[in-house]
Each structure stands twice: as structure tokens, then as C-alpha cells.
Amino acid sequence: MNTPSASLYQQVLGPAFDALPASLRALHGLSQSAVFRGEAEVIAAQHVIGRLIARLTGFPTRSYRCPVEVRIDVDAEGETWHRDFGGHRFNSRMRCLEGQLHEQLGPHRIRFALDTNSHGLSMRPIAWRTFGIPLPRWLCPQLSARETESEGRFQFDVATAFPFIGTVIHYRGWLQRSAVAVAD
């Protein structure tokens, strides 16, 4: 398997990558596939359309606390994230294109701006396409994604809401690298 010398996030962030907390550098500095495990709190959509969008994307459709596992497969073109929230599984593909992070999640392609400081990383969507069609800003989902470190552990807080519908998914929790080897 051919992998680039710099990780996906190192390619996007450049020198700013080195200022991230250690647990974020460990998760985003992968040169080979790895598994991370932890716990999450999931806050599901209340609106029926929000629940339908969540179901179509593979997101959990009810609120609860659960174990979480994230397997990140690394290859020369980027990373595939396999997320499992208590049996609810969804995947996304991330790539660095023209120096920016692009994530493909089902029919959605999101281009992000990444903001960093010594406390962590935040991701701001700057363009959103669904089924290849650019969405106008007023119709784009509001997405908030923050990663920090607490007690040496990777912490995440991700929320997605649509105009007129409200929350589709909000999940937050922590991850630590698992000793489980990833089979190629």
C-alpha cells in the first residue's frame, strides 16, 4: 500500500499541524490505518425530516450514550473513516484537494477550512454539494466540528443542523488509540 510521506491533515495544515495537542497529532498524523475507541453522547434529530436525513446518512436516530469505534484507513489519496456509534455505522472519505480538506459523506461533499490553535482544531464548511449540486448558502447545513484534548484524550464535538429542520445529529465524546491491529 502506497501512502504519502505527510498525513492528510499535515498536508492541509502545513506547519500549523505541529501546534496541535498531542492526541490530535496522534489521530491526524497517521501514516497507516488505525482503530480508536471511546465513548460518545449522541443527540438525535427531533424533527421527522431530520430523523429521515439521519437515517439515510447512517446516523443514529435516537439519543443515547454509547461506545464508539473509529477505524481510519489511510492510503495514498486520503483517508476513509469508518465510524460505529453503538451499532450505527457511517463512513466518509477525506482528501486534500488544492490544499483544502474535502469530505465525501454519502451524497454530500463538504469543503472545509481548518482553524487551529494550541487548544485544538475546528472545521468550518466553506462549500457544500449534494449529489454534485452546489447548495446555496441559505440552504447549507450548519456544521460545527471541534476537536480538543482533555486528560490526554482526543475529544470531539460535532453538530449538524439544517435550516427549517434543526438538528440532524450532534455527537460528542472522546477517543483513544486501540491496541487492535488493523488488517490490510
Protein backbone atom coordinates (compact mmCIF):
# COMPACT_ATOMS: atom_id res chain seq x y z
CA MET A 1 0.00 0.00 0.00
CA ASN A 2 1.42 3.36 -1.05
CA THR A 3 0.92 6.20 1.44
CA PRO A 4 2.16 9.79 1.27
CA SER A 5 5.02 10.93 3.50
CA ALA A 6 2.83 13.57 5.18
CA SER A 7 -0.55 12.64 6.65
CA LEU A 8 -3.75 14.10 5.22
CA TYR A 9 -4.04 16.72 7.97
CA GLN A 10 -0.33 17.56 7.75
CA GLN A 11 -0.84 18.24 4.04
CA VAL A 12 -3.82 20.53 4.74
CA LEU A 13 -2.45 22.32 7.82
CA GLY A 14 1.25 22.55 6.99
CA PRO A 15 3.35 23.88 9.90
CA ALA A 16 0.20 24.62 11.98
CA PHE A 17 -0.15 20.84 12.47
CA ASP A 18 2.79 20.85 14.91
CA ALA A 19 0.99 23.25 17.28
CA LEU A 20 -1.94 20.86 17.83
CA PRO A 21 -2.25 18.99 21.14
CA ALA A 22 -0.52 15.57 21.20
CA SER A 23 -3.72 13.47 20.99
CA LEU A 24 -4.87 15.37 17.87
CA ARG A 25 -1.45 14.97 16.23
CA ALA A 26 -1.58 11.23 17.02
CA LEU A 27 -5.02 10.76 15.44
CA HIS A 28 -4.46 13.08 12.45
CA GLY A 29 -0.81 12.20 11.85
CA LEU A 30 -1.40 8.59 10.81
CA SER A 31 0.83 7.02 8.18
CA GLN A 32 -1.07 3.72 8.36
CA SER A 33 -4.55 2.54 9.27
CA ALA A 34 -5.54 2.56 12.94
CA VAL A 35 -8.50 1.99 15.27
CA PHE A 36 -9.63 4.39 18.00
CA ARG A 37 -12.21 3.59 20.69
CA GLY A 38 -14.05 5.63 23.27
CA GLU A 39 -17.45 6.83 24.31
CA ALA A 40 -19.95 9.29 22.84
CA GLU A 41 -23.13 11.06 23.71
CA VAL A 42 -25.48 11.20 20.72
CA ILE A 43 -28.23 13.80 20.46
CA ALA A 44 -30.57 12.83 17.64
CA ALA A 45 -32.94 14.85 15.49
CA GLN A 46 -36.34 15.77 16.92
CA HIS A 47 -37.94 16.78 13.61
CA VAL A 48 -39.27 13.93 11.43
CA ILE A 49 -37.37 15.22 8.36
CA GLY A 50 -34.20 15.47 10.45
CA ARG A 51 -34.64 11.84 11.53
CA LEU A 52 -35.16 10.81 7.89
CA ILE A 53 -31.96 12.62 6.81
CA ALA A 54 -30.10 10.97 9.71
CA ARG A 55 -31.39 7.51 8.76
CA LEU A 56 -30.41 7.99 5.08
CA THR A 57 -26.89 9.05 6.11
CA GLY A 58 -26.49 6.22 8.63
CA PHE A 59 -26.52 8.49 11.68
CA PRO A 60 -28.16 7.31 14.90
CA THR A 61 -31.83 8.31 15.09
CA ARG A 62 -32.20 8.33 18.86
CA SER A 63 -30.32 9.99 21.69
CA TYR A 64 -28.14 7.92 23.99
CA ARG A 65 -24.65 7.34 25.43
CA CYS A 66 -22.70 4.61 23.66
CA PRO A 67 -19.33 3.07 22.87
CA VAL A 68 -17.75 4.47 19.73
CA GLU A 69 -15.15 2.99 17.40
CA VAL A 70 -13.46 4.83 14.56
CA ARG A 71 -11.28 2.96 12.09
CA ILE A 72 -9.23 5.23 9.87
CA ASP A 73 -7.91 3.58 6.70
CA VAL A 74 -5.02 5.52 5.18
CA ASP A 75 -3.98 5.31 1.52
CA ALA A 76 -2.10 7.47 -0.98
CA GLU A 77 -5.21 9.52 -1.87
CA GLY A 78 -6.54 10.21 1.64
CA GLU A 79 -8.40 8.57 4.50
CA THR A 80 -11.61 6.59 4.88
CA TRP A 81 -13.23 6.96 8.28
CA HIS A 82 -15.46 4.08 9.44
CA ARG A 83 -17.48 5.25 12.45
CA ASP A 84 -19.52 2.94 14.68
CA PHE A 85 -21.70 4.57 17.32
CA GLY A 86 -23.18 1.68 19.30
CA GLY A 87 -24.01 -0.28 16.14
CA HIS A 88 -24.94 2.72 13.97
CA ARG A 89 -22.30 2.82 11.25
CA PHE A 90 -21.43 5.51 8.75
CA ASN A 91 -18.38 6.17 6.63
CA SER A 92 -16.79 9.13 4.97
CA ARG A 93 -13.86 9.70 2.65
CA MET A 94 -11.45 12.60 3.22
CA ARG A 95 -8.95 14.04 0.77
CA CYS A 96 -6.68 17.03 0.39
CA LEU A 97 -7.59 18.82 -2.83
CA GLU A 98 -5.90 22.11 -3.71
CA GLY A 99 -4.67 22.41 -0.12
CA GLN A 100 -8.12 22.06 1.46
CA LEU A 101 -9.90 19.24 3.25
CA HIS A 102 -12.78 17.67 1.30
CA GLU A 103 -15.09 15.11 2.91
CA GLN A 104 -17.47 12.85 0.99
CA LEU A 105 -20.29 11.62 3.24
CA GLY A 106 -22.91 9.71 1.28
CA PRO A 107 -24.28 12.08 -1.37
CA HIS A 108 -22.68 15.11 0.34
CA ARG A 109 -19.28 16.62 -0.44
CA ILE A 110 -18.09 19.24 2.01
CA ARG A 111 -15.06 21.52 1.62
CA PHE A 112 -13.66 22.71 4.95
CA ALA A 113 -11.47 25.48 6.26
CA LEU A 114 -9.49 24.29 9.27
CA ASP A 115 -8.68 26.63 12.15
CA THR A 116 -6.07 25.60 14.70
CA ASN A 117 -4.57 26.78 17.95
CA SER A 118 -2.78 25.17 20.89
CA HIS A 119 -6.16 24.04 22.28
CA GLY A 120 -7.33 22.18 19.19
CA LEU A 121 -8.89 22.25 15.79
CA SER A 122 -12.18 23.45 14.36
CA MET A 123 -13.61 22.71 10.94
CA ARG A 124 -15.78 25.23 9.08
CA PRO A 125 -17.64 24.17 5.93
CA ILE A 126 -17.00 26.66 3.14
CA ALA A 127 -18.77 24.80 0.32
CA TRP A 128 -21.35 22.03 0.25
CA ARG A 129 -22.56 19.87 -2.65
CA THR A 130 -25.29 17.27 -2.52
CA PHE A 131 -25.48 14.81 -5.42
CA GLY A 132 -22.90 17.04 -7.12
CA ILE A 133 -25.13 20.11 -6.97
CA PRO A 134 -23.74 23.15 -5.12
CA LEU A 135 -26.09 24.23 -2.34
CA PRO A 136 -26.77 27.95 -1.89
CA ARG A 137 -25.55 29.27 1.48
CA TRP A 138 -29.06 29.75 2.83
CA LEU A 139 -29.78 26.06 2.25
CA CYS A 140 -26.45 24.67 3.50
CA PRO A 141 -26.50 22.72 6.74
CA GLN A 142 -24.85 24.41 9.68
CA LEU A 143 -21.98 22.20 10.77
CA SER A 144 -19.83 22.72 13.84
CA ALA A 145 -16.88 20.39 14.40
CA ARG A 146 -14.36 20.92 17.21
CA GLU A 147 -11.54 18.71 18.42
CA THR A 148 -9.63 19.30 21.64
CA GLU A 149 -7.64 17.37 24.21
CA SER A 150 -8.62 16.66 27.80
CA GLU A 151 -6.69 14.46 30.21
CA GLY A 152 -4.54 13.31 27.28
CA ARG A 153 -7.53 12.07 25.30
CA PHE A 154 -8.83 13.20 21.92
CA GLN A 155 -12.18 14.98 22.43
CA PHE A 156 -14.71 15.65 19.66
CA ASP A 157 -17.91 17.67 19.38
CA VAL A 158 -19.75 17.58 16.03
CA ALA A 159 -23.18 19.06 15.34
CA THR A 160 -25.13 19.28 12.07
CA ALA A 161 -28.39 21.17 11.63
CA PHE A 162 -30.43 22.14 8.57
CA PRO A 163 -32.33 25.39 8.12
CA PHE A 164 -36.03 25.00 8.96
CA ILE A 165 -35.42 21.46 10.33
CA GLY A 166 -32.97 21.87 13.19
CA THR A 167 -30.52 19.29 14.50
CA VAL A 168 -29.91 16.21 12.37
CA ILE A 169 -27.12 14.85 14.59
CA HIS A 170 -24.96 16.09 17.44
CA TYR A 171 -22.34 13.80 18.91
CA ARG A 172 -19.56 14.43 21.38
CA GLY A 173 -17.15 12.30 23.31
CA TRP A 174 -13.60 11.00 23.41
CA LEU A 175 -11.31 8.53 21.64
CA GLN A 176 -8.06 6.72 22.42
CA ARG A 177 -5.97 4.62 20.09
CA SER A 178 -6.79 0.92 20.36
CA ALA A 179 -4.16 -1.79 20.60
CA VAL A 180 -6.12 -3.73 17.95
CA ALA A 181 -4.11 -4.17 14.76
CA VAL A 182 -5.82 -3.22 11.51
CA ALA A 183 -5.75 -5.89 8.81
CA ASP A 184 -4.89 -4.53 5.37
